[in-house]
Amino acid sequence: MVVLTINGLEEFEGFASGHNACSGCLEALVLRHVIKASGPNTIAVSATGCMEVISTGFPQTSWQIPWIHSAFENASAVASGIDAALKALGKRENVNIIVFGGDGATFDIGFQSLSGAMERGHKFLYIVTDNEAYANTGVQRSSATFPFANTTTTPAGKKSSGKLEPKKPLDLIMAAHGIPYIATATPANALDISRKVKKALSINAPTLLHVLSPCVKSWGYAGPNGVDLARLAIQTRVFPLMEIEKGVLTFTQKVEKQNARPVEEYLMPQNRFKHLTPDLTRKIQEYVNARYEFLESIEGKKAFDVLY
C-alpha cells in the first residue's frame, strides 16, 4: 500500500469516519492522526472506553487495521502477548503495536498491567488519550482528573469544591520505569503528534505518548472549541509539551512564565469549573506554576540517570 504525504501528514486513513463519537470529540481526532502516522502495518489494542464503544458497534467498525478489544485492566498485557507471539513466529519486524487507553484504563485500572509491561521491556507504543474522567461511564473522577473539577463522584456544591487531589504525574512515573521515550501532545498540533508517534515507534523498546483530549461531555465546552482549549492548555502551562528521552526532559514547546496566559482563560470556558471562586482559581494558578517550575528545574538533566 502506498501512503501519500501532504503538508507533512500522511493520507492513510486507518481510523475511518462514520463512528459514533460525540460532536466535537477530540479523542477520535487523536486516533485518526496516530494511525495516519503509524501506517497500515499496525496492530491496535484498545482498552474498554469511549473509543472502543464508538468505533466498533457490531457489525460495523471504523478500524481499517487489525484491532483487538481488551478489558480496562489488561490492554498492556494483551499487547505484550502480541509482541511475544510475533517474535515467536519470526514476524515481529516492521509491525507497529499501539495500545490506546483512556485515563481510567491507564492512570487507574490498567496501571498494574502498564507498569508490568514497561518493566519487562515489551516493544509497543502506549497512547493514553487523557480526558481527565471516566467519561464513558458517567463522568466519574479518575486520578487524572484536574484539581477542583466537578465530576459525578466529586460534585461541586456548598460543601465541596470538586476533586481535591492533584493530577497523578504519569509521565514522571513512567520515566522512573526506565523506558527510553515518553512524550506529551495535544490535538492542537497534528504535526507534533505525528512526529512523536514516528519517533516512539522507531525505538526498540516500550514507549508512551500522553495526549490531552478535551471532552465535550465531561468538560462542558462548546463543541467547536475543543482544539482552542487544547491550545490554551499549552499556553497556560496547564499541560506541558515535552519529551523525556533516556531520563532527560526537554520541552518541545516551552512557555516562559512571563509569556504564559492566565489559567483562568483555560478554566472559564468549561462547565466543570463554573463553581470556581477567585480563591480557588488562585490556588489552581499556584498549582500549575509549581508543577511547571519543577519540570523546568529538571530540564536538560539526567533526572533518572540511575536507571540508564
C-alpha atoms as a PDB file:
ATOM      1  CA  MET A   1       0.000   0.000   0.000  1.00  0.00           C
ATOM      2  CA  VAL A   2       1.306   3.464  -0.945  1.00  0.00           C
ATOM      3  CA  VAL A   3       0.783   6.124   1.729  1.00  0.00           C
ATOM      4  CA  LEU A   4       0.894   9.683   0.385  1.00  0.00           C
ATOM      5  CA  THR A   5       2.165  12.592   2.476  1.00  0.00           C
ATOM      6  CA  ILE A   6       0.603  16.038   2.055  1.00  0.00           C
ATOM      7  CA  ASN A   7       1.703  19.052   4.101  1.00  0.00           C
ATOM      8  CA  GLY A   8       3.648  16.777   6.406  1.00  0.00           C
ATOM      9  CA  LEU A   9       0.725  14.474   7.234  1.00  0.00           C
ATOM     10  CA  GLU A  10       0.074  11.025   5.820  1.00  0.00           C
ATOM     11  CA  GLU A  11      -3.137  10.419   3.922  1.00  0.00           C
ATOM     12  CA  PHE A  12      -3.599   6.836   5.109  1.00  0.00           C
ATOM     13  CA  GLU A  13      -6.934   6.604   6.916  1.00  0.00           C
ATOM     14  CA  GLY A  14      -6.682   3.742   9.374  1.00  0.00           C
ATOM     15  CA  PHE A  15      -9.458   5.132  11.552  1.00  0.00           C
ATOM     16  CA  ALA A  16     -12.406   5.791   9.285  1.00  0.00           C
ATOM     17  CA  SER A  17     -15.287   8.234   9.574  1.00  0.00           C
ATOM     18  CA  GLY A  18     -18.786   7.056  10.443  1.00  0.00           C
ATOM     19  CA  HIS A  19     -18.106   6.288  14.104  1.00  0.00           C
ATOM     20  CA  ASN A  20     -20.416   7.362  16.926  1.00  0.00           C
ATOM     21  CA  ALA A  21     -18.209   9.825  18.795  1.00  0.00           C
ATOM     22  CA  CYS A  22     -19.814  12.938  20.227  1.00  0.00           C
ATOM     23  CA  SER A  23     -19.792  16.010  18.010  1.00  0.00           C
ATOM     24  CA  GLY A  24     -16.543  17.824  18.764  1.00  0.00           C
ATOM     25  CA  CYS A  25     -14.810  14.734  20.240  1.00  0.00           C
ATOM     26  CA  LEU A  26     -11.055  15.206  20.075  1.00  0.00           C
ATOM     27  CA  GLU A  27     -10.154  11.687  21.160  1.00  0.00           C
ATOM     28  CA  ALA A  28     -11.357  10.394  17.801  1.00  0.00           C
ATOM     29  CA  LEU A  29      -9.231  13.034  16.078  1.00  0.00           C
ATOM     30  CA  VAL A  30      -6.189  11.871  18.054  1.00  0.00           C
ATOM     31  CA  LEU A  31      -6.734   8.261  16.963  1.00  0.00           C
ATOM     32  CA  ARG A  32      -7.006   9.343  13.341  1.00  0.00           C
ATOM     33  CA  HIS A  33      -3.715  11.266  13.432  1.00  0.00           C
ATOM     34  CA  VAL A  34      -1.896   8.487  15.305  1.00  0.00           C
ATOM     35  CA  ILE A  35      -2.877   5.815  12.775  1.00  0.00           C
ATOM     36  CA  LYS A  36      -2.023   8.148   9.893  1.00  0.00           C
ATOM     37  CA  ALA A  37       1.484   8.366  11.329  1.00  0.00           C
ATOM     38  CA  SER A  38       1.900   4.670  12.149  1.00  0.00           C
ATOM     39  CA  GLY A  39       0.626   3.448   8.789  1.00  0.00           C
ATOM     40  CA  PRO A  40      -1.120   0.248   7.661  1.00  0.00           C
ATOM     41  CA  ASN A  41       1.397  -2.180   9.246  1.00  0.00           C
ATOM     42  CA  THR A  42      -0.085  -1.525  12.664  1.00  0.00           C
ATOM     43  CA  ILE A  43      -1.943  -3.656  15.193  1.00  0.00           C
ATOM     44  CA  ALA A  44      -4.124  -1.705  17.619  1.00  0.00           C
ATOM     45  CA  VAL A  45      -5.089  -2.813  21.108  1.00  0.00           C
ATOM     46  CA  SER A  46      -7.989  -0.860  22.566  1.00  0.00           C
ATOM     47  CA  ALA A  47      -8.938  -0.890  26.222  1.00  0.00           C
ATOM     48  CA  THR A  48     -12.594  -0.616  27.151  1.00  0.00           C
ATOM     49  CA  GLY A  49     -13.670   3.010  26.963  1.00  0.00           C
ATOM     50  CA  CYS A  50     -15.160   5.697  24.744  1.00  0.00           C
ATOM     51  CA  MET A  51     -13.032   4.935  21.697  1.00  0.00           C
ATOM     52  CA  GLU A  52     -13.821   1.240  21.817  1.00  0.00           C
ATOM     53  CA  VAL A  53     -17.552   1.871  22.161  1.00  0.00           C
ATOM     54  CA  ILE A  54     -17.864   4.491  19.430  1.00  0.00           C
ATOM     55  CA  SER A  55     -15.801   2.650  16.842  1.00  0.00           C
ATOM     56  CA  THR A  56     -16.945  -0.976  16.929  1.00  0.00           C
ATOM     57  CA  GLY A  57     -20.726  -1.206  17.207  1.00  0.00           C
ATOM     58  CA  PHE A  58     -21.421  -4.614  15.660  1.00  0.00           C
ATOM     59  CA  PRO A  59     -21.396  -5.241  12.730  1.00  0.00           C
ATOM     60  CA  GLN A  60     -19.581  -2.002  11.810  1.00  0.00           C
ATOM     61  CA  THR A  61     -16.033  -0.908  12.596  1.00  0.00           C
ATOM     62  CA  SER A  62     -14.012   2.244  11.989  1.00  0.00           C
ATOM     63  CA  TRP A  63     -10.700   0.385  12.242  1.00  0.00           C
ATOM     64  CA  GLN A  64      -9.000  -0.275   8.910  1.00  0.00           C
ATOM     65  CA  ILE A  65      -6.125  -2.111  10.593  1.00  0.00           C
ATOM     66  CA  PRO A  66      -6.023  -5.229  12.817  1.00  0.00           C
ATOM     67  CA  TRP A  67      -7.688  -4.312  16.104  1.00  0.00           C
ATOM     68  CA  ILE A  68      -8.379  -6.153  19.351  1.00  0.00           C
ATOM     69  CA  HIS A  69     -10.522  -5.094  22.286  1.00  0.00           C
ATOM     70  CA  SER A  70      -9.269  -5.730  25.808  1.00  0.00           C
ATOM     71  CA  ALA A  71     -10.703  -5.140  29.245  1.00  0.00           C
ATOM     72  CA  PHE A  72      -9.938  -1.972  31.197  1.00  0.00           C
ATOM     73  CA  GLU A  73      -7.200  -3.642  33.186  1.00  0.00           C
ATOM     74  CA  ASN A  74      -5.214  -5.725  30.691  1.00  0.00           C
ATOM     75  CA  ALA A  75      -4.554  -3.792  27.467  1.00  0.00           C
ATOM     76  CA  SER A  76      -0.792  -3.731  28.082  1.00  0.00           C
ATOM     77  CA  ALA A  77      -0.775  -7.464  28.833  1.00  0.00           C
ATOM     78  CA  VAL A  78      -2.578  -8.119  25.548  1.00  0.00           C
ATOM     79  CA  ALA A  79      -0.011  -6.008  23.682  1.00  0.00           C
ATOM     80  CA  SER A  80       2.767  -7.905  25.467  1.00  0.00           C
ATOM     81  CA  GLY A  81       1.293 -11.174  24.232  1.00  0.00           C
ATOM     82  CA  ILE A  82       1.088  -9.902  20.651  1.00  0.00           C
ATOM     83  CA  ASP A  83       4.724  -8.750  20.841  1.00  0.00           C
ATOM     84  CA  ALA A  84       5.856 -12.148  22.166  1.00  0.00           C
ATOM     85  CA  ALA A  85       3.747 -14.101  19.657  1.00  0.00           C
ATOM     86  CA  LEU A  86       5.059 -12.176  16.643  1.00  0.00           C
ATOM     87  CA  LYS A  87       8.628 -12.735  17.846  1.00  0.00           C
ATOM     88  CA  ALA A  88       7.991 -16.460  18.241  1.00  0.00           C
ATOM     89  CA  LEU A  89       6.601 -16.609  14.701  1.00  0.00           C
ATOM     90  CA  GLY A  90       9.515 -14.616  13.285  1.00  0.00           C
ATOM     91  CA  LYS A  91       7.128 -11.873  12.123  1.00  0.00           C
ATOM     92  CA  ARG A  92       7.943  -9.042  14.529  1.00  0.00           C
ATOM     93  CA  GLU A  93       9.923  -6.858  12.111  1.00  0.00           C
ATOM     94  CA  ASN A  94       8.157  -3.804  10.619  1.00  0.00           C
ATOM     95  CA  VAL A  95       4.970  -4.311  12.620  1.00  0.00           C
ATOM     96  CA  ASN A  96       3.817  -1.500  14.906  1.00  0.00           C
ATOM     97  CA  ILE A  97       1.858  -2.368  18.042  1.00  0.00           C
ATOM     98  CA  ILE A  98      -0.075   0.510  19.595  1.00  0.00           C
ATOM     99  CA  VAL A  99      -2.224   0.432  22.722  1.00  0.00           C
ATOM    100  CA  PHE A 100      -4.982   3.006  23.145  1.00  0.00           C
ATOM    101  CA  GLY A 101      -6.299   3.617  26.653  1.00  0.00           C
ATOM    102  CA  GLY A 102      -8.172   6.418  28.315  1.00  0.00           C
ATOM    103  CA  ASP A 103      -7.082   7.886  31.620  1.00  0.00           C
ATOM    104  CA  GLY A 104      -9.204   5.455  33.609  1.00  0.00           C
ATOM    105  CA  ALA A 105      -7.680   2.475  31.799  1.00  0.00           C
ATOM    106  CA  THR A 106      -4.182   3.926  32.220  1.00  0.00           C
ATOM    107  CA  PHE A 107      -3.781   6.024  35.367  1.00  0.00           C
ATOM    108  CA  ASP A 108      -6.053   3.732  37.407  1.00  0.00           C
ATOM    109  CA  ILE A 109      -7.474   0.356  36.412  1.00  0.00           C
ATOM    110  CA  GLY A 110      -4.799  -0.634  33.899  1.00  0.00           C
ATOM    111  CA  PHE A 111      -1.836   0.844  35.739  1.00  0.00           C
ATOM    112  CA  GLN A 112      -0.604  -2.505  37.074  1.00  0.00           C
ATOM    113  CA  SER A 113      -0.637  -4.050  33.590  1.00  0.00           C
ATOM    114  CA  LEU A 114       1.071  -0.998  32.071  1.00  0.00           C
ATOM    115  CA  SER A 115       3.764  -0.942  34.741  1.00  0.00           C
ATOM    116  CA  GLY A 116       4.467  -4.638  34.284  1.00  0.00           C
ATOM    117  CA  ALA A 117       4.786  -4.386  30.507  1.00  0.00           C
ATOM    118  CA  MET A 118       7.107  -1.402  30.790  1.00  0.00           C
ATOM    119  CA  GLU A 119       9.293  -3.242  33.320  1.00  0.00           C
ATOM    120  CA  ARG A 120       9.510  -6.315  31.069  1.00  0.00           C
ATOM    121  CA  GLY A 121      10.551  -4.175  28.113  1.00  0.00           C
ATOM    122  CA  HIS A 122       7.921  -5.206  25.556  1.00  0.00           C
ATOM    123  CA  LYS A 123       8.173  -3.193  22.357  1.00  0.00           C
ATOM    124  CA  PHE A 124       4.957  -1.264  21.819  1.00  0.00           C
ATOM    125  CA  LEU A 125       3.714   2.312  21.953  1.00  0.00           C
ATOM    126  CA  TYR A 126       1.176   3.054  24.666  1.00  0.00           C
ATOM    127  CA  ILE A 127      -1.030   6.065  23.930  1.00  0.00           C
ATOM    128  CA  VAL A 128      -3.169   7.457  26.709  1.00  0.00           C
ATOM    129  CA  THR A 129      -5.971   9.683  25.471  1.00  0.00           C
ATOM    130  CA  ASP A 130      -6.486  11.706  28.617  1.00  0.00           C
ATOM    131  CA  ASN A 131      -9.865  13.388  29.000  1.00  0.00           C
ATOM    132  CA  GLU A 132      -9.454  13.520  32.774  1.00  0.00           C
ATOM    133  CA  ALA A 133     -12.525  11.485  33.725  1.00  0.00           C
ATOM    134  CA  TYR A 134     -14.356   8.200  33.218  1.00  0.00           C
ATOM    135  CA  ALA A 135     -16.410   9.894  30.513  1.00  0.00           C
ATOM    136  CA  ASN A 136     -17.862   6.706  29.030  1.00  0.00           C
ATOM    137  CA  THR A 137     -19.439   5.503  32.284  1.00  0.00           C
ATOM    138  CA  GLY A 138     -20.884   8.712  33.717  1.00  0.00           C
ATOM    139  CA  VAL A 139     -18.030  11.214  34.177  1.00  0.00           C
ATOM    140  CA  GLN A 140     -16.639   9.859  37.446  1.00  0.00           C
ATOM    141  CA  ARG A 141     -13.315  11.235  38.707  1.00  0.00           C
ATOM    142  CA  SER A 142     -10.070   9.459  37.903  1.00  0.00           C
ATOM    143  CA  SER A 143      -6.596  10.071  39.255  1.00  0.00           C
ATOM    144  CA  ALA A 144      -6.014  12.074  36.069  1.00  0.00           C
ATOM    145  CA  THR A 145      -8.855  14.476  36.836  1.00  0.00           C
ATOM    146  CA  PHE A 146      -7.703  18.071  37.180  1.00  0.00           C
ATOM    147  CA  PRO A 147      -7.917  19.611  40.678  1.00  0.00           C
ATOM    148  CA  PHE A 148     -11.241  21.203  41.639  1.00  0.00           C
ATOM    149  CA  ALA A 149     -13.048  19.756  38.627  1.00  0.00           C
ATOM    150  CA  ASN A 150     -16.698  18.858  39.058  1.00  0.00           C
ATOM    151  CA  THR A 151     -17.480  15.181  38.375  1.00  0.00           C
ATOM    152  CA  THR A 152     -20.372  12.915  39.296  1.00  0.00           C
ATOM    153  CA  THR A 153     -18.337  11.382  42.123  1.00  0.00           C
ATOM    154  CA  THR A 154     -16.779  14.700  43.235  1.00  0.00           C
ATOM    155  CA  PRO A 155     -19.755  17.025  42.786  1.00  0.00           C
ATOM    156  CA  ALA A 156     -19.105  20.693  43.454  1.00  0.00           C
ATOM    157  CA  GLY A 157     -21.573  22.373  45.779  1.00  0.00           C
ATOM    158  CA  LYS A 158     -21.960  24.190  49.059  1.00  0.00           C
ATOM    159  CA  LYS A 159     -19.878  21.608  50.911  1.00  0.00           C
ATOM    160  CA  SER A 160     -17.454  20.594  48.187  1.00  0.00           C
ATOM    161  CA  SER A 161     -15.137  22.251  45.674  1.00  0.00           C
ATOM    162  CA  GLY A 162     -14.966  19.247  43.351  1.00  0.00           C
ATOM    163  CA  LYS A 163     -11.998  16.879  43.131  1.00  0.00           C
ATOM    164  CA  LEU A 164      -9.405  17.959  45.698  1.00  0.00           C
ATOM    165  CA  GLU A 165      -6.424  15.749  44.849  1.00  0.00           C
ATOM    166  CA  PRO A 166      -3.667  16.691  42.358  1.00  0.00           C
ATOM    167  CA  LYS A 167      -3.357  15.001  38.972  1.00  0.00           C
ATOM    168  CA  LYS A 168      -1.190  11.873  39.060  1.00  0.00           C
ATOM    169  CA  PRO A 169       2.192  12.617  37.379  1.00  0.00           C
ATOM    170  CA  LEU A 170       2.011   9.674  34.973  1.00  0.00           C
ATOM    171  CA  ASP A 171       4.827  10.875  32.701  1.00  0.00           C
ATOM    172  CA  LEU A 172       7.344  11.046  35.540  1.00  0.00           C
ATOM    173  CA  ILE A 173       6.199   7.697  36.920  1.00  0.00           C
ATOM    174  CA  MET A 174       6.753   6.101  33.522  1.00  0.00           C
ATOM    175  CA  ALA A 175      10.170   7.757  33.238  1.00  0.00           C
ATOM    176  CA  ALA A 176      11.031   6.186  36.595  1.00  0.00           C
ATOM    177  CA  HIS A 177      10.423   2.781  34.978  1.00  0.00           C
ATOM    178  CA  GLY A 178      13.490   3.374  32.831  1.00  0.00           C
ATOM    179  CA  ILE A 179      11.743   3.370  29.451  1.00  0.00           C
ATOM    180  CA  PRO A 180      13.639   5.398  26.866  1.00  0.00           C
ATOM    181  CA  TYR A 181      10.921   7.639  25.471  1.00  0.00           C
ATOM    182  CA  ILE A 182       7.904   9.419  26.949  1.00  0.00           C
ATOM    183  CA  ALA A 183       6.226  12.386  25.291  1.00  0.00           C
ATOM    184  CA  THR A 184       3.151  14.589  25.644  1.00  0.00           C
ATOM    185  CA  ALA A 185       0.957  16.069  22.916  1.00  0.00           C
ATOM    186  CA  THR A 186      -2.436  17.626  22.240  1.00  0.00           C
ATOM    187  CA  PRO A 187      -4.752  17.561  19.211  1.00  0.00           C
ATOM    188  CA  ALA A 188      -3.989  21.276  18.712  1.00  0.00           C
ATOM    189  CA  ASN A 189      -0.891  20.221  16.714  1.00  0.00           C
ATOM    190  CA  ALA A 190      -1.297  17.246  14.392  1.00  0.00           C
ATOM    191  CA  LEU A 191       2.280  17.520  13.089  1.00  0.00           C
ATOM    192  CA  ASP A 192       3.611  17.293  16.645  1.00  0.00           C
ATOM    193  CA  ILE A 193       1.551  14.136  17.257  1.00  0.00           C
ATOM    194  CA  SER A 194       2.808  12.624  14.006  1.00  0.00           C
ATOM    195  CA  ARG A 195       6.459  13.373  14.747  1.00  0.00           C
ATOM    196  CA  LYS A 196       6.282  11.944  18.259  1.00  0.00           C
ATOM    197  CA  VAL A 197       4.428   8.806  17.166  1.00  0.00           C
ATOM    198  CA  LYS A 198       7.028   8.070  14.475  1.00  0.00           C
ATOM    199  CA  LYS A 199       9.867   8.715  16.896  1.00  0.00           C
ATOM    200  CA  ALA A 200       8.337   6.431  19.525  1.00  0.00           C
ATOM    201  CA  LEU A 201       7.743   3.628  17.030  1.00  0.00           C
ATOM    202  CA  SER A 202      11.332   3.804  15.799  1.00  0.00           C
ATOM    203  CA  ILE A 203      12.645   2.823  19.241  1.00  0.00           C
ATOM    204  CA  ASN A 204      13.167  -0.863  20.009  1.00  0.00           C
ATOM    205  CA  ALA A 205      11.610  -0.625  23.467  1.00  0.00           C
ATOM    206  CA  PRO A 206       8.352   0.310  25.199  1.00  0.00           C
ATOM    207  CA  THR A 207       7.352   3.957  24.722  1.00  0.00           C
ATOM    208  CA  LEU A 208       4.475   6.152  25.881  1.00  0.00           C
ATOM    209  CA  LEU A 209       2.644   9.144  24.421  1.00  0.00           C
ATOM    210  CA  HIS A 210       0.343  11.095  26.742  1.00  0.00           C
ATOM    211  CA  VAL A 211      -2.228  13.097  24.763  1.00  0.00           C
ATOM    212  CA  LEU A 212      -4.584  15.575  26.421  1.00  0.00           C
ATOM    213  CA  SER A 213      -8.002  15.017  24.803  1.00  0.00           C
ATOM    214  CA  PRO A 214     -10.670  17.630  25.613  1.00  0.00           C
ATOM    215  CA  CYS A 215     -14.082  16.011  26.090  1.00  0.00           C
ATOM    216  CA  VAL A 216     -17.314  17.830  25.236  1.00  0.00           C
ATOM    217  CA  LYS A 217     -19.370  15.655  27.580  1.00  0.00           C
ATOM    218  CA  SER A 218     -17.245  15.759  30.721  1.00  0.00           C
ATOM    219  CA  TRP A 219     -15.632  19.188  30.331  1.00  0.00           C
ATOM    220  CA  GLY A 220     -18.758  21.013  29.206  1.00  0.00           C
ATOM    221  CA  TYR A 221     -17.480  23.316  26.463  1.00  0.00           C
ATOM    222  CA  ALA A 222     -18.982  24.359  23.141  1.00  0.00           C
ATOM    223  CA  GLY A 223     -18.310  21.592  20.592  1.00  0.00           C
ATOM    224  CA  PRO A 224     -16.278  23.628  18.060  1.00  0.00           C
ATOM    225  CA  ASN A 225     -13.936  24.965  20.776  1.00  0.00           C
ATOM    226  CA  GLY A 226     -12.059  21.789  21.692  1.00  0.00           C
ATOM    227  CA  VAL A 227      -8.901  22.490  19.707  1.00  0.00           C
ATOM    228  CA  ASP A 228      -8.784  26.030  21.129  1.00  0.00           C
ATOM    229  CA  LEU A 229      -8.974  24.551  24.647  1.00  0.00           C
ATOM    230  CA  ALA A 230      -6.172  22.101  23.837  1.00  0.00           C
ATOM    231  CA  ARG A 231      -4.073  25.046  22.671  1.00  0.00           C
ATOM    232  CA  LEU A 232      -4.928  27.030  25.805  1.00  0.00           C
ATOM    233  CA  ALA A 233      -3.828  24.087  27.959  1.00  0.00           C
ATOM    234  CA  ILE A 234      -0.351  24.569  26.499  1.00  0.00           C
ATOM    235  CA  GLN A 235      -0.346  28.376  26.585  1.00  0.00           C
ATOM    236  CA  THR A 236      -1.443  28.498  30.244  1.00  0.00           C
ATOM    237  CA  ARG A 237       1.158  25.839  31.164  1.00  0.00           C
ATOM    238  CA  VAL A 238      -1.600  23.505  32.390  1.00  0.00           C
ATOM    239  CA  PHE A 239      -0.334  20.740  30.062  1.00  0.00           C
ATOM    240  CA  PRO A 240       3.390  20.994  29.272  1.00  0.00           C
ATOM    241  CA  LEU A 241       4.559  19.719  25.891  1.00  0.00           C
ATOM    242  CA  MET A 242       7.733  17.713  26.431  1.00  0.00           C
ATOM    243  CA  GLU A 243       9.794  14.621  25.724  1.00  0.00           C
ATOM    244  CA  ILE A 244      11.735  12.525  28.230  1.00  0.00           C
ATOM    245  CA  GLU A 245      14.466  10.643  26.393  1.00  0.00           C
ATOM    246  CA  LYS A 246      16.672   8.292  28.409  1.00  0.00           C
ATOM    247  CA  GLY A 247      15.811  10.226  31.548  1.00  0.00           C
ATOM    248  CA  VAL A 248      16.425  13.696  30.118  1.00  0.00           C
ATOM    249  CA  LEU A 249      13.467  16.078  29.930  1.00  0.00           C
ATOM    250  CA  THR A 250      13.188  18.555  27.047  1.00  0.00           C
ATOM    251  CA  PHE A 251      10.308  20.925  26.388  1.00  0.00           C
ATOM    252  CA  THR A 252       9.057  20.728  22.810  1.00  0.00           C
ATOM    253  CA  GLN A 253       7.086  23.962  23.177  1.00  0.00           C
ATOM    254  CA  LYS A 254       8.277  25.795  26.239  1.00  0.00           C
ATOM    255  CA  VAL A 255       6.122  28.562  27.698  1.00  0.00           C
ATOM    256  CA  GLU A 256       8.057  31.025  29.825  1.00  0.00           C
ATOM    257  CA  LYS A 257       6.239  32.315  32.880  1.00  0.00           C
ATOM    258  CA  GLN A 258       6.179  35.903  31.636  1.00  0.00           C
ATOM    259  CA  ASN A 259       4.547  34.740  28.387  1.00  0.00           C
ATOM    260  CA  ALA A 260       2.029  32.339  29.912  1.00  0.00           C
ATOM    261  CA  ARG A 261      -1.644  33.179  29.689  1.00  0.00           C
ATOM    262  CA  PRO A 262      -3.614  33.190  32.976  1.00  0.00           C
ATOM    263  CA  VAL A 263      -5.008  29.781  33.871  1.00  0.00           C
ATOM    264  CA  GLU A 264      -8.439  31.407  34.226  1.00  0.00           C
ATOM    265  CA  GLU A 265      -8.643  31.653  30.425  1.00  0.00           C
ATOM    266  CA  TYR A 266      -8.434  27.865  30.235  1.00  0.00           C
ATOM    267  CA  LEU A 267     -10.880  27.223  33.079  1.00  0.00           C
ATOM    268  CA  MET A 268     -13.663  29.674  32.243  1.00  0.00           C
ATOM    269  CA  PRO A 269     -14.977  28.006  29.031  1.00  0.00           C
ATOM    270  CA  GLN A 270     -15.515  24.688  30.859  1.00  0.00           C
ATOM    271  CA  ASN A 271     -18.666  23.937  32.835  1.00  0.00           C
ATOM    272  CA  ARG A 272     -16.748  21.560  35.106  1.00  0.00           C
ATOM    273  CA  PHE A 273     -15.079  24.654  36.603  1.00  0.00           C
ATOM    274  CA  LYS A 274     -18.051  27.026  36.705  1.00  0.00           C
ATOM    275  CA  HIS A 275     -18.177  26.774  40.518  1.00  0.00           C
ATOM    276  CA  LEU A 276     -14.681  28.185  40.993  1.00  0.00           C
ATOM    277  CA  THR A 277     -14.221  31.186  43.254  1.00  0.00           C
ATOM    278  CA  PRO A 278     -11.365  33.681  42.819  1.00  0.00           C
ATOM    279  CA  ASP A 279      -9.595  31.968  45.717  1.00  0.00           C
ATOM    280  CA  LEU A 280      -9.825  28.517  44.096  1.00  0.00           C
ATOM    281  CA  THR A 281      -8.681  29.948  40.763  1.00  0.00           C
ATOM    282  CA  ARG A 282      -5.669  31.434  42.539  1.00  0.00           C
ATOM    283  CA  LYS A 283      -4.881  28.034  44.089  1.00  0.00           C
ATOM    284  CA  ILE A 284      -5.035  26.400  40.668  1.00  0.00           C
ATOM    285  CA  GLN A 285      -2.693  29.029  39.253  1.00  0.00           C
ATOM    286  CA  GLU A 286      -0.221  28.331  42.058  1.00  0.00           C
ATOM    287  CA  TYR A 287      -0.544  24.574  41.429  1.00  0.00           C
ATOM    288  CA  VAL A 288       0.102  24.981  37.701  1.00  0.00           C
ATOM    289  CA  ASN A 289       3.080  27.279  38.317  1.00  0.00           C
ATOM    290  CA  ALA A 290       4.628  24.906  40.843  1.00  0.00           C
ATOM    291  CA  ARG A 291       4.343  21.868  38.571  1.00  0.00           C
ATOM    292  CA  TYR A 292       5.779  23.667  35.560  1.00  0.00           C
ATOM    293  CA  GLU A 293       8.620  25.130  37.608  1.00  0.00           C
ATOM    294  CA  PHE A 294       9.507  21.656  38.862  1.00  0.00           C
ATOM    295  CA  LEU A 295       9.800  20.423  35.283  1.00  0.00           C
ATOM    296  CA  GLU A 296      11.963  23.438  34.474  1.00  0.00           C
ATOM    297  CA  SER A 297      14.218  22.539  37.402  1.00  0.00           C
ATOM    298  CA  ILE A 298      14.999  19.112  35.891  1.00  0.00           C
ATOM    299  CA  GLU A 299      15.045  20.224  32.242  1.00  0.00           C
ATOM    300  CA  GLY A 300      18.163  19.006  30.453  1.00  0.00           C
ATOM    301  CA  LYS A 301      19.357  16.986  33.433  1.00  0.00           C
ATOM    302  CA  LYS A 302      19.546  13.223  33.726  1.00  0.00           C
ATOM    303  CA  ALA A 303      16.850  13.272  36.369  1.00  0.00           C
ATOM    304  CA  PHE A 304      16.540   9.484  36.139  1.00  0.00           C
ATOM    305  CA  ASP A 305      20.219   8.848  35.465  1.00  0.00           C
ATOM    306  CA  VAL A 306      20.422   5.867  37.829  1.00  0.00           C
ATOM    307  CA  LEU A 307      18.092   3.946  35.524  1.00  0.00           C
ATOM    308  CA  TYR A 308      20.282   4.087  32.409  1.00  0.00           C
END
